[in-house]
Amino acid sequence: MPNKAALVPVLLLACACASAARLDVIQVGPWFDGRSWREVEVFSSREQTLRPWGAIGIIHSPRVSAETGQAELERMKLQARKAAASMGADGVIIAVDSAAAGPQLGVYQEPELFVSALAFKYVVSTSTPAAK
């Protein structure tokens, strides 16, 4: 029978892995063959994109502390880029948003942030009616 004390570190490691932040991914368009995450362009606003595109996925992260979660935010931005790559996206628009605090009178609530991203695919050819 295995030593119970030896199982404790294994269980702690398993719990730590299980508690890693998971992104919520919502499919809003067709997904394509995956690609390397390094090939996915990263933007911080829609205005930075120069070509027509269509959204294929929306990505949201869990909330993290605004004061102590900066490293976690950077990790979740990379996760969002990798998630976009698995959808076959050409680019991803990533923003960090603040979570609205609830109306809890007399209770201090630490400010929280989360990653919100939009994965997109460039439009290869567009057909629009000729102007009259």
C-alpha atoms as a PDB file:
ATOM      1  CA  MET A   1       0.000   0.000   0.000  1.00  0.00           C
ATOM      2  CA  PRO A   2       1.478   3.401  -0.957  1.00  0.00           C
ATOM      3  CA  ASN A   3       2.560   5.800   1.753  1.00  0.00           C
ATOM      4  CA  LYS A   4      -0.226   8.353   2.385  1.00  0.00           C
ATOM      5  CA  ALA A   5       2.306  11.101   3.116  1.00  0.00           C
ATOM      6  CA  ALA A   6       3.746  10.652  -0.370  1.00  0.00           C
ATOM      7  CA  LEU A   7       0.315  11.274  -1.906  1.00  0.00           C
ATOM      8  CA  VAL A   8      -0.059  14.751  -0.365  1.00  0.00           C
ATOM      9  CA  PRO A   9       2.377  16.546  -2.742  1.00  0.00           C
ATOM     10  CA  VAL A  10       0.810  14.794  -5.716  1.00  0.00           C
ATOM     11  CA  LEU A  11      -2.679  15.877  -4.653  1.00  0.00           C
ATOM     12  CA  LEU A  12      -1.535  19.464  -4.053  1.00  0.00           C
ATOM     13  CA  LEU A  13       0.007  19.591  -7.515  1.00  0.00           C
ATOM     14  CA  ALA A  14      -3.157  18.179  -9.072  1.00  0.00           C
ATOM     15  CA  CYS A  15      -5.283  20.767  -7.280  1.00  0.00           C
ATOM     16  CA  ALA A  16      -3.002  23.579  -8.418  1.00  0.00           C
ATOM     17  CA  CYS A  17      -3.298  22.449 -12.012  1.00  0.00           C
ATOM     18  CA  ALA A  18      -7.057  22.111 -11.748  1.00  0.00           C
ATOM     19  CA  SER A  19      -7.410  25.635 -10.376  1.00  0.00           C
ATOM     20  CA  ALA A  20      -5.634  27.210 -13.371  1.00  0.00           C
ATOM     21  CA  ALA A  21      -7.775  29.867 -15.000  1.00  0.00           C
ATOM     22  CA  ARG A  22      -9.869  28.598 -17.877  1.00  0.00           C
ATOM     23  CA  LEU A  23     -11.070  30.836 -20.649  1.00  0.00           C
ATOM     24  CA  ASP A  24     -14.674  30.874 -21.819  1.00  0.00           C
ATOM     25  CA  VAL A  25     -14.782  30.539 -25.607  1.00  0.00           C
ATOM     26  CA  ILE A  26     -17.936  31.208 -27.611  1.00  0.00           C
ATOM     27  CA  GLN A  27     -18.069  30.251 -31.293  1.00  0.00           C
ATOM     28  CA  VAL A  28     -19.707  33.027 -33.336  1.00  0.00           C
ATOM     29  CA  GLY A  29     -18.560  32.010 -36.805  1.00  0.00           C
ATOM     30  CA  PRO A  30     -17.021  29.095 -38.657  1.00  0.00           C
ATOM     31  CA  TRP A  31     -13.768  27.758 -37.254  1.00  0.00           C
ATOM     32  CA  PHE A  32     -10.884  26.776 -39.489  1.00  0.00           C
ATOM     33  CA  ASP A  33      -7.827  24.547 -39.272  1.00  0.00           C
ATOM     34  CA  GLY A  34      -5.652  25.526 -36.331  1.00  0.00           C
ATOM     35  CA  ARG A  35      -2.385  27.353 -36.763  1.00  0.00           C
ATOM     36  CA  SER A  36       0.629  28.364 -34.704  1.00  0.00           C
ATOM     37  CA  TRP A  37      -0.242  30.969 -32.081  1.00  0.00           C
ATOM     38  CA  ARG A  38       2.762  33.002 -33.258  1.00  0.00           C
ATOM     39  CA  GLU A  39       0.998  33.551 -36.616  1.00  0.00           C
ATOM     40  CA  VAL A  40      -2.024  35.202 -34.970  1.00  0.00           C
ATOM     41  CA  GLU A  41      -1.789  39.002 -35.082  1.00  0.00           C
ATOM     42  CA  VAL A  42      -2.652  40.783 -31.824  1.00  0.00           C
ATOM     43  CA  PHE A  43      -4.496  44.101 -31.716  1.00  0.00           C
ATOM     44  CA  SER A  44      -5.826  46.195 -28.872  1.00  0.00           C
ATOM     45  CA  SER A  45      -8.711  47.786 -30.812  1.00  0.00           C
ATOM     46  CA  ARG A  46     -10.801  47.268 -33.943  1.00  0.00           C
ATOM     47  CA  GLU A  47      -9.396  50.468 -35.440  1.00  0.00           C
ATOM     48  CA  GLN A  48      -5.926  48.898 -35.672  1.00  0.00           C
ATOM     49  CA  THR A  49      -7.054  46.285 -38.199  1.00  0.00           C
ATOM     50  CA  LEU A  50      -6.572  47.374 -41.806  1.00  0.00           C
ATOM     51  CA  ARG A  51      -8.519  44.767 -43.774  1.00  0.00           C
ATOM     52  CA  PRO A  52     -12.091  43.470 -43.652  1.00  0.00           C
ATOM     53  CA  TRP A  53     -12.608  40.569 -41.263  1.00  0.00           C
ATOM     54  CA  GLY A  54     -15.309  38.444 -39.690  1.00  0.00           C
ATOM     55  CA  ALA A  55     -15.543  37.356 -36.061  1.00  0.00           C
ATOM     56  CA  ILE A  56     -15.201  33.638 -35.362  1.00  0.00           C
ATOM     57  CA  GLY A  57     -14.918  33.542 -31.565  1.00  0.00           C
ATOM     58  CA  ILE A  58     -15.359  35.525 -28.363  1.00  0.00           C
ATOM     59  CA  ILE A  59     -13.016  34.808 -25.474  1.00  0.00           C
ATOM     60  CA  HIS A  60     -13.416  35.841 -21.815  1.00  0.00           C
ATOM     61  CA  SER A  61     -11.173  35.112 -18.859  1.00  0.00           C
ATOM     62  CA  PRO A  62     -12.004  34.782 -15.202  1.00  0.00           C
ATOM     63  CA  ARG A  63     -11.529  37.857 -13.009  1.00  0.00           C
ATOM     64  CA  VAL A  64      -8.224  38.549 -11.273  1.00  0.00           C
ATOM     65  CA  SER A  65      -7.137  41.099  -8.711  1.00  0.00           C
ATOM     66  CA  ALA A  66      -6.296  44.482 -10.248  1.00  0.00           C
ATOM     67  CA  GLU A  67      -3.495  44.938  -7.723  1.00  0.00           C
ATOM     68  CA  THR A  68      -1.796  41.548  -7.746  1.00  0.00           C
ATOM     69  CA  GLY A  69      -2.974  39.832 -10.927  1.00  0.00           C
ATOM     70  CA  GLN A  70      -0.829  41.493 -13.629  1.00  0.00           C
ATOM     71  CA  ALA A  71       1.221  38.361 -14.316  1.00  0.00           C
ATOM     72  CA  GLU A  72      -1.993  36.331 -14.484  1.00  0.00           C
ATOM     73  CA  LEU A  73      -3.479  38.838 -16.968  1.00  0.00           C
ATOM     74  CA  GLU A  74      -0.441  38.472 -19.237  1.00  0.00           C
ATOM     75  CA  ARG A  75      -0.755  34.681 -19.046  1.00  0.00           C
ATOM     76  CA  MET A  76      -4.447  34.887 -19.961  1.00  0.00           C
ATOM     77  CA  LYS A  77      -3.668  37.183 -22.925  1.00  0.00           C
ATOM     78  CA  LEU A  78      -1.312  34.514 -24.237  1.00  0.00           C
ATOM     79  CA  GLN A  79      -3.982  31.859 -23.600  1.00  0.00           C
ATOM     80  CA  ALA A  80      -6.460  33.968 -25.602  1.00  0.00           C
ATOM     81  CA  ARG A  81      -4.000  34.202 -28.505  1.00  0.00           C
ATOM     82  CA  LYS A  82      -3.488  30.435 -28.401  1.00  0.00           C
ATOM     83  CA  ALA A  83      -7.257  29.843 -28.268  1.00  0.00           C
ATOM     84  CA  ALA A  84      -7.672  32.086 -31.324  1.00  0.00           C
ATOM     85  CA  ALA A  85      -4.956  30.103 -33.103  1.00  0.00           C
ATOM     86  CA  SER A  86      -6.768  26.835 -32.395  1.00  0.00           C
ATOM     87  CA  MET A  87      -9.854  28.329 -34.112  1.00  0.00           C
ATOM     88  CA  GLY A  88      -7.762  29.167 -37.164  1.00  0.00           C
ATOM     89  CA  ALA A  89      -7.984  32.922 -36.565  1.00  0.00           C
ATOM     90  CA  ASP A  90      -5.809  35.386 -38.448  1.00  0.00           C
ATOM     91  CA  GLY A  91      -5.942  37.881 -35.605  1.00  0.00           C
ATOM     92  CA  VAL A  92      -7.281  38.605 -32.160  1.00  0.00           C
ATOM     93  CA  ILE A  93      -8.332  41.858 -30.545  1.00  0.00           C
ATOM     94  CA  ILE A  94      -7.480  41.695 -26.842  1.00  0.00           C
ATOM     95  CA  ALA A  95      -8.667  44.145 -24.203  1.00  0.00           C
ATOM     96  CA  VAL A  96      -8.398  44.213 -20.436  1.00  0.00           C
ATOM     97  CA  ASP A  97     -11.632  45.350 -18.808  1.00  0.00           C
ATOM     98  CA  SER A  98     -12.552  46.090 -15.223  1.00  0.00           C
ATOM     99  CA  ALA A  99     -15.301  44.152 -13.535  1.00  0.00           C
ATOM    100  CA  ALA A 100     -18.108  46.253 -12.121  1.00  0.00           C
ATOM    101  CA  ALA A 101     -18.289  46.149  -8.345  1.00  0.00           C
ATOM    102  CA  GLY A 102     -21.624  45.181  -6.877  1.00  0.00           C
ATOM    103  CA  PRO A 103     -23.599  47.441  -4.549  1.00  0.00           C
ATOM    104  CA  GLN A 104     -22.358  45.965  -1.284  1.00  0.00           C
ATOM    105  CA  LEU A 105     -22.687  48.696   1.330  1.00  0.00           C
ATOM    106  CA  GLY A 106     -19.970  48.811   3.921  1.00  0.00           C
ATOM    107  CA  VAL A 107     -17.994  45.964   2.362  1.00  0.00           C
ATOM    108  CA  TYR A 108     -14.665  46.672   0.669  1.00  0.00           C
ATOM    109  CA  GLN A 109     -14.392  44.889  -2.629  1.00  0.00           C
ATOM    110  CA  GLU A 110     -11.001  44.674  -4.298  1.00  0.00           C
ATOM    111  CA  PRO A 111     -10.977  45.922  -7.917  1.00  0.00           C
ATOM    112  CA  GLU A 112     -10.897  43.090 -10.459  1.00  0.00           C
ATOM    113  CA  LEU A 113      -9.875  42.867 -14.118  1.00  0.00           C
ATOM    114  CA  PHE A 114     -10.505  40.338 -16.880  1.00  0.00           C
ATOM    115  CA  VAL A 115      -9.380  39.679 -20.451  1.00  0.00           C
ATOM    116  CA  SER A 116     -11.919  40.020 -23.237  1.00  0.00           C
ATOM    117  CA  ALA A 117     -10.912  39.036 -26.773  1.00  0.00           C
ATOM    118  CA  LEU A 118     -12.391  38.713 -30.245  1.00  0.00           C
ATOM    119  CA  ALA A 119     -10.854  36.179 -32.637  1.00  0.00           C
ATOM    120  CA  PHE A 120     -11.313  36.933 -36.329  1.00  0.00           C
ATOM    121  CA  LYS A 121     -10.559  35.698 -39.817  1.00  0.00           C
ATOM    122  CA  TYR A 122      -9.695  38.066 -42.651  1.00  0.00           C
ATOM    123  CA  VAL A 123     -12.177  38.205 -45.523  1.00  0.00           C
ATOM    124  CA  VAL A 124     -10.423  36.831 -48.597  1.00  0.00           C
ATOM    125  CA  SER A 125     -12.768  38.340 -51.151  1.00  0.00           C
ATOM    126  CA  THR A 126     -15.692  40.621 -50.673  1.00  0.00           C
ATOM    127  CA  SER A 127     -18.506  41.121 -53.076  1.00  0.00           C
ATOM    128  CA  THR A 128     -20.445  44.325 -52.636  1.00  0.00           C
ATOM    129  CA  PRO A 129     -22.989  45.799 -55.001  1.00  0.00           C
ATOM    130  CA  ALA A 130     -21.681  48.533 -57.253  1.00  0.00           C
ATOM    131  CA  ALA A 131     -22.469  52.064 -56.106  1.00  0.00           C
ATOM    132  CA  LYS A 132     -25.250  53.739 -58.079  1.00  0.00           C
END
